[in-house]
Amino acid sequence: MSPAKAADRAEEREERIGLHNLRPAPGSRKPRKRVGRGEGSGTGKTSGRGQKGYGSRSGAKDRARFEGGQMPIHMRMRKLRGPHMKKSMPFEPFRTHTQPVNLLDLEARFDAGAEVTLEALNAKNLATRRGIPVKVLAKGEVTKPLTVHAHAFSAAARERIEAAGGTCQIIE
């Protein structure tokens, strides 16, 4: 590279970027491939499709799901019909069947020494889904002594409630 070109490049790099000099990165834009325009072009005769076979024919589909004639994965997988069958929920082991209540909600909605029961939680718009167990989680801090009744407690939530002088009672 000549010194003049190098100086021009350095000047270009130092110029502030603005709408007047935005351009694609070098090498990111290519002209489209013009196939079937003679042997000299490099893609003449068969136009880059090879000699014979399905892919050389007009109308040949190169689908995203096509696996070369092998049974496609969407057909190999089991049929998951309806929510009533156990095998229709492949994520079942990771599904939670509890409704969470965080310590920050208890702190905000209950006074010191309060009994936190399921009815009290429901009255304060916490744990509103009937028949689903309640689990107290440790998001936030609690500074008041509370007597909390719930189906489950996380270890950290139990620790924080008891550190604040409250008690945790498990509902069977």
C-alpha atoms as a PDB file:
ATOM      1  CA  MET A   1       0.000   0.000   0.000  1.00  0.00           C
ATOM      2  CA  SER A   2       1.376   3.383  -0.955  1.00  0.00           C
ATOM      3  CA  PRO A   3       1.968   6.038   1.721  1.00  0.00           C
ATOM      4  CA  ALA A   4      -0.672   8.282   0.094  1.00  0.00           C
ATOM      5  CA  LYS A   5      -3.343   5.560   0.409  1.00  0.00           C
ATOM      6  CA  ALA A   6      -2.325   4.878   4.005  1.00  0.00           C
ATOM      7  CA  ALA A   7      -2.704   8.580   4.814  1.00  0.00           C
ATOM      8  CA  ASP A   8      -6.164   8.624   3.185  1.00  0.00           C
ATOM      9  CA  ARG A   9      -7.245   5.603   5.238  1.00  0.00           C
ATOM     10  CA  ALA A  10      -6.009   7.179   8.488  1.00  0.00           C
ATOM     11  CA  GLU A  11      -7.896  10.356   7.579  1.00  0.00           C
ATOM     12  CA  GLU A  12     -11.093   8.330   6.939  1.00  0.00           C
ATOM     13  CA  ARG A  13     -10.799   6.629  10.331  1.00  0.00           C
ATOM     14  CA  GLU A  14     -10.436   9.945  12.132  1.00  0.00           C
ATOM     15  CA  GLU A  15     -13.466  11.517  10.437  1.00  0.00           C
ATOM     16  CA  ARG A  16     -16.534  11.698  12.683  1.00  0.00           C
ATOM     17  CA  ILE A  17     -19.312   9.235  11.904  1.00  0.00           C
ATOM     18  CA  GLY A  18     -22.554  10.827  10.740  1.00  0.00           C
ATOM     19  CA  LEU A  19     -25.440  10.232   8.373  1.00  0.00           C
ATOM     20  CA  HIS A  20     -23.381  11.672   5.523  1.00  0.00           C
ATOM     21  CA  ASN A  21     -20.695   8.951   5.673  1.00  0.00           C
ATOM     22  CA  LEU A  22     -22.455   5.790   6.833  1.00  0.00           C
ATOM     23  CA  ARG A  23     -21.708   2.793   4.642  1.00  0.00           C
ATOM     24  CA  PRO A  24     -21.753  -1.004   5.043  1.00  0.00           C
ATOM     25  CA  ALA A  25     -18.638  -2.732   6.373  1.00  0.00           C
ATOM     26  CA  PRO A  26     -16.144  -3.594   3.629  1.00  0.00           C
ATOM     27  CA  GLY A  27     -16.861  -7.031   2.194  1.00  0.00           C
ATOM     28  CA  SER A  28     -20.335  -7.318   3.733  1.00  0.00           C
ATOM     29  CA  ARG A  29     -22.226  -6.537   0.517  1.00  0.00           C
ATOM     30  CA  LYS A  30     -21.731  -8.711  -2.562  1.00  0.00           C
ATOM     31  CA  PRO A  31     -23.382  -8.485  -5.969  1.00  0.00           C
ATOM     32  CA  ARG A  32     -25.904 -11.244  -6.616  1.00  0.00           C
ATOM     33  CA  LYS A  33     -24.734 -14.369  -8.453  1.00  0.00           C
ATOM     34  CA  ARG A  34     -25.970 -14.302 -12.073  1.00  0.00           C
ATOM     35  CA  VAL A  35     -26.328 -17.969 -12.984  1.00  0.00           C
ATOM     36  CA  GLY A  36     -26.785 -19.416 -16.462  1.00  0.00           C
ATOM     37  CA  ARG A  37     -24.924 -16.617 -18.273  1.00  0.00           C
ATOM     38  CA  GLY A  38     -22.334 -18.612 -20.170  1.00  0.00           C
ATOM     39  CA  GLU A  39     -19.352 -20.789 -19.366  1.00  0.00           C
ATOM     40  CA  GLY A  40     -17.040 -17.845 -18.780  1.00  0.00           C
ATOM     41  CA  SER A  41     -19.069 -16.734 -15.780  1.00  0.00           C
ATOM     42  CA  GLY A  42     -18.235 -19.895 -13.818  1.00  0.00           C
ATOM     43  CA  THR A  43     -21.924 -20.698 -13.325  1.00  0.00           C
ATOM     44  CA  GLY A  44     -22.964 -21.522 -16.894  1.00  0.00           C
ATOM     45  CA  LYS A  45     -24.403 -24.767 -18.304  1.00  0.00           C
ATOM     46  CA  THR A  46     -25.953 -26.368 -15.205  1.00  0.00           C
ATOM     47  CA  SER A  47     -26.033 -23.094 -13.254  1.00  0.00           C
ATOM     48  CA  GLY A  48     -24.382 -24.519 -10.148  1.00  0.00           C
ATOM     49  CA  ARG A  49     -27.021 -27.232  -9.721  1.00  0.00           C
ATOM     50  CA  GLY A  50     -24.832 -30.214 -10.633  1.00  0.00           C
ATOM     51  CA  GLN A  51     -25.693 -32.760 -13.326  1.00  0.00           C
ATOM     52  CA  LYS A  52     -28.876 -34.716 -12.543  1.00  0.00           C
ATOM     53  CA  GLY A  53     -31.115 -35.480  -9.608  1.00  0.00           C
ATOM     54  CA  TYR A  54     -33.974 -33.861  -7.737  1.00  0.00           C
ATOM     55  CA  GLY A  55     -32.026 -30.723  -6.855  1.00  0.00           C
ATOM     56  CA  SER A  56     -31.215 -30.005 -10.497  1.00  0.00           C
ATOM     57  CA  ARG A  57     -34.876 -29.908 -11.588  1.00  0.00           C
ATOM     58  CA  SER A  58     -36.985 -26.797 -11.743  1.00  0.00           C
ATOM     59  CA  GLY A  59     -39.451 -26.622  -8.862  1.00  0.00           C
ATOM     60  CA  ALA A  60     -37.175 -28.629  -6.541  1.00  0.00           C
ATOM     61  CA  LYS A  61     -37.902 -27.536  -3.000  1.00  0.00           C
ATOM     62  CA  ASP A  62     -35.116 -27.129  -0.458  1.00  0.00           C
ATOM     63  CA  ARG A  63     -37.349 -26.962   2.616  1.00  0.00           C
ATOM     64  CA  ALA A  64     -36.068 -26.041   6.055  1.00  0.00           C
ATOM     65  CA  ARG A  65     -37.499 -29.261   7.555  1.00  0.00           C
ATOM     66  CA  PHE A  66     -36.256 -31.555   4.769  1.00  0.00           C
ATOM     67  CA  GLU A  67     -33.659 -34.087   5.918  1.00  0.00           C
ATOM     68  CA  GLY A  68     -32.688 -35.767   2.663  1.00  0.00           C
ATOM     69  CA  GLY A  69     -35.467 -38.345   2.755  1.00  0.00           C
ATOM     70  CA  GLN A  70     -34.754 -39.385   6.352  1.00  0.00           C
ATOM     71  CA  MET A  71     -37.878 -39.257   8.528  1.00  0.00           C
ATOM     72  CA  PRO A  72     -37.968 -35.594   9.629  1.00  0.00           C
ATOM     73  CA  ILE A  73     -37.655 -34.788  13.310  1.00  0.00           C
ATOM     74  CA  HIS A  74     -41.143 -33.304  13.510  1.00  0.00           C
ATOM     75  CA  MET A  75     -42.511 -36.648  12.361  1.00  0.00           C
ATOM     76  CA  ARG A  76     -40.163 -38.747  14.548  1.00  0.00           C
ATOM     77  CA  MET A  77     -41.252 -36.980  17.737  1.00  0.00           C
ATOM     78  CA  ARG A  78     -44.211 -38.365  19.633  1.00  0.00           C
ATOM     79  CA  LYS A  79     -47.642 -36.858  19.167  1.00  0.00           C
ATOM     80  CA  LEU A  80     -48.614 -34.696  22.122  1.00  0.00           C
ATOM     81  CA  ARG A  81     -52.377 -34.734  21.970  1.00  0.00           C
ATOM     82  CA  GLY A  82     -54.338 -32.965  24.660  1.00  0.00           C
ATOM     83  CA  PRO A  83     -53.444 -31.759  28.134  1.00  0.00           C
ATOM     84  CA  HIS A  84     -55.131 -34.734  29.850  1.00  0.00           C
ATOM     85  CA  MET A  85     -52.390 -37.227  29.011  1.00  0.00           C
ATOM     86  CA  LYS A  86     -49.243 -37.345  31.117  1.00  0.00           C
ATOM     87  CA  LYS A  87     -46.993 -37.848  28.099  1.00  0.00           C
ATOM     88  CA  SER A  88     -48.404 -34.699  26.483  1.00  0.00           C
ATOM     89  CA  MET A  89     -46.434 -32.573  28.950  1.00  0.00           C
ATOM     90  CA  PRO A  90     -42.751 -33.250  28.327  1.00  0.00           C
ATOM     91  CA  PHE A  91     -41.842 -30.421  30.739  1.00  0.00           C
ATOM     92  CA  GLU A  92     -43.873 -31.891  33.616  1.00  0.00           C
ATOM     93  CA  PRO A  93     -40.919 -32.619  35.948  1.00  0.00           C
ATOM     94  CA  PHE A  94     -40.061 -28.903  35.965  1.00  0.00           C
ATOM     95  CA  ARG A  95     -43.562 -27.531  36.442  1.00  0.00           C
ATOM     96  CA  THR A  96     -44.298 -25.927  39.807  1.00  0.00           C
ATOM     97  CA  HIS A  97     -47.610 -26.651  41.451  1.00  0.00           C
ATOM     98  CA  THR A  98     -47.381 -23.901  44.049  1.00  0.00           C
ATOM     99  CA  GLN A  99     -48.114 -20.210  44.094  1.00  0.00           C
ATOM    100  CA  PRO A 100     -45.307 -17.993  45.379  1.00  0.00           C
ATOM    101  CA  VAL A 101     -45.556 -15.332  48.063  1.00  0.00           C
ATOM    102  CA  ASN A 102     -42.462 -13.193  48.608  1.00  0.00           C
ATOM    103  CA  LEU A 103     -41.226 -11.758  51.886  1.00  0.00           C
ATOM    104  CA  LEU A 104     -41.343  -8.226  50.500  1.00  0.00           C
ATOM    105  CA  ASP A 105     -45.110  -8.638  49.997  1.00  0.00           C
ATOM    106  CA  LEU A 106     -45.551  -9.845  53.590  1.00  0.00           C
ATOM    107  CA  GLU A 107     -43.469  -6.901  54.837  1.00  0.00           C
ATOM    108  CA  ALA A 108     -45.554  -4.388  52.892  1.00  0.00           C
ATOM    109  CA  ARG A 109     -49.019  -5.773  53.672  1.00  0.00           C
ATOM    110  CA  PHE A 110     -48.894  -7.066  57.273  1.00  0.00           C
ATOM    111  CA  ASP A 111     -48.281  -5.328  60.640  1.00  0.00           C
ATOM    112  CA  ALA A 112     -45.935  -6.587  63.348  1.00  0.00           C
ATOM    113  CA  GLY A 113     -47.225  -9.655  65.210  1.00  0.00           C
ATOM    114  CA  ALA A 114     -49.891 -10.441  62.586  1.00  0.00           C
ATOM    115  CA  GLU A 115     -51.150 -13.961  61.831  1.00  0.00           C
ATOM    116  CA  VAL A 116     -50.526 -14.613  58.138  1.00  0.00           C
ATOM    117  CA  THR A 117     -53.022 -17.314  57.150  1.00  0.00           C
ATOM    118  CA  LEU A 118     -54.291 -18.341  53.729  1.00  0.00           C
ATOM    119  CA  GLU A 119     -57.459 -16.291  54.295  1.00  0.00           C
ATOM    120  CA  ALA A 120     -55.401 -13.234  55.297  1.00  0.00           C
ATOM    121  CA  LEU A 121     -53.193 -13.636  52.239  1.00  0.00           C
ATOM    122  CA  ASN A 122     -56.261 -13.894  50.008  1.00  0.00           C
ATOM    123  CA  ALA A 123     -57.776 -10.774  51.615  1.00  0.00           C
ATOM    124  CA  LYS A 124     -54.564  -8.838  50.800  1.00  0.00           C
ATOM    125  CA  ASN A 125     -54.582 -10.077  47.157  1.00  0.00           C
ATOM    126  CA  LEU A 126     -51.759 -12.578  47.655  1.00  0.00           C
ATOM    127  CA  ALA A 127     -52.143 -16.300  46.934  1.00  0.00           C
ATOM    128  CA  THR A 128     -55.508 -15.833  45.231  1.00  0.00           C
ATOM    129  CA  ARG A 129     -55.648 -19.193  43.383  1.00  0.00           C
ATOM    130  CA  ARG A 130     -57.815 -21.559  45.377  1.00  0.00           C
ATOM    131  CA  GLY A 131     -56.666 -25.124  45.920  1.00  0.00           C
ATOM    132  CA  ILE A 132     -53.048 -24.471  44.907  1.00  0.00           C
ATOM    133  CA  PRO A 133     -50.457 -24.721  47.706  1.00  0.00           C
ATOM    134  CA  VAL A 134     -48.693 -21.560  48.858  1.00  0.00           C
ATOM    135  CA  LYS A 135     -44.904 -21.366  49.129  1.00  0.00           C
ATOM    136  CA  VAL A 136     -43.165 -18.472  50.866  1.00  0.00           C
ATOM    137  CA  LEU A 137     -40.015 -17.362  49.021  1.00  0.00           C
ATOM    138  CA  ALA A 138     -37.130 -15.220  50.272  1.00  0.00           C
ATOM    139  CA  LYS A 139     -37.294 -12.292  47.829  1.00  0.00           C
ATOM    140  CA  GLY A 140     -36.974  -9.187  49.974  1.00  0.00           C
ATOM    141  CA  GLU A 141     -36.469  -8.682  53.697  1.00  0.00           C
ATOM    142  CA  VAL A 142     -38.820  -8.953  56.669  1.00  0.00           C
ATOM    143  CA  THR A 143     -38.265  -6.847  59.802  1.00  0.00           C
ATOM    144  CA  LYS A 144     -41.469  -7.568  61.756  1.00  0.00           C
ATOM    145  CA  PRO A 145     -42.276 -10.679  63.782  1.00  0.00           C
ATOM    146  CA  LEU A 146     -44.975 -12.546  61.830  1.00  0.00           C
ATOM    147  CA  THR A 147     -46.629 -15.923  62.336  1.00  0.00           C
ATOM    148  CA  VAL A 148     -46.794 -17.300  58.805  1.00  0.00           C
ATOM    149  CA  HIS A 149     -48.963 -20.297  57.853  1.00  0.00           C
ATOM    150  CA  ALA A 150     -48.138 -21.808  54.439  1.00  0.00           C
ATOM    151  CA  HIS A 151     -47.762 -25.157  52.690  1.00  0.00           C
ATOM    152  CA  ALA A 152     -44.012 -24.678  52.116  1.00  0.00           C
ATOM    153  CA  PHE A 153     -41.142 -22.305  52.845  1.00  0.00           C
ATOM    154  CA  SER A 154     -37.828 -21.883  51.118  1.00  0.00           C
ATOM    155  CA  ALA A 155     -34.887 -22.371  53.503  1.00  0.00           C
ATOM    156  CA  ALA A 156     -33.822 -18.726  53.178  1.00  0.00           C
ATOM    157  CA  ALA A 157     -37.383 -17.461  53.787  1.00  0.00           C
ATOM    158  CA  ARG A 158     -37.725 -19.584  56.945  1.00  0.00           C
ATOM    159  CA  GLU A 159     -34.358 -18.275  58.157  1.00  0.00           C
ATOM    160  CA  ARG A 160     -35.305 -14.614  57.601  1.00  0.00           C
ATOM    161  CA  ILE A 161     -38.755 -14.923  59.215  1.00  0.00           C
ATOM    162  CA  GLU A 162     -37.286 -16.587  62.302  1.00  0.00           C
ATOM    163  CA  ALA A 163     -34.418 -14.038  62.435  1.00  0.00           C
ATOM    164  CA  ALA A 164     -37.047 -11.262  62.607  1.00  0.00           C
ATOM    165  CA  GLY A 165     -38.684 -13.006  65.602  1.00  0.00           C
ATOM    166  CA  GLY A 166     -41.513 -14.664  63.670  1.00  0.00           C
ATOM    167  CA  THR A 167     -42.561 -18.297  63.296  1.00  0.00           C
ATOM    168  CA  CYS A 168     -43.211 -20.540  60.296  1.00  0.00           C
ATOM    169  CA  GLN A 169     -46.037 -23.058  60.494  1.00  0.00           C
ATOM    170  CA  ILE A 170     -46.539 -25.633  57.755  1.00  0.00           C
ATOM    171  CA  ILE A 171     -50.097 -26.414  56.662  1.00  0.00           C
ATOM    172  CA  GLU A 172     -50.652 -30.083  55.832  1.00  0.00           C
END
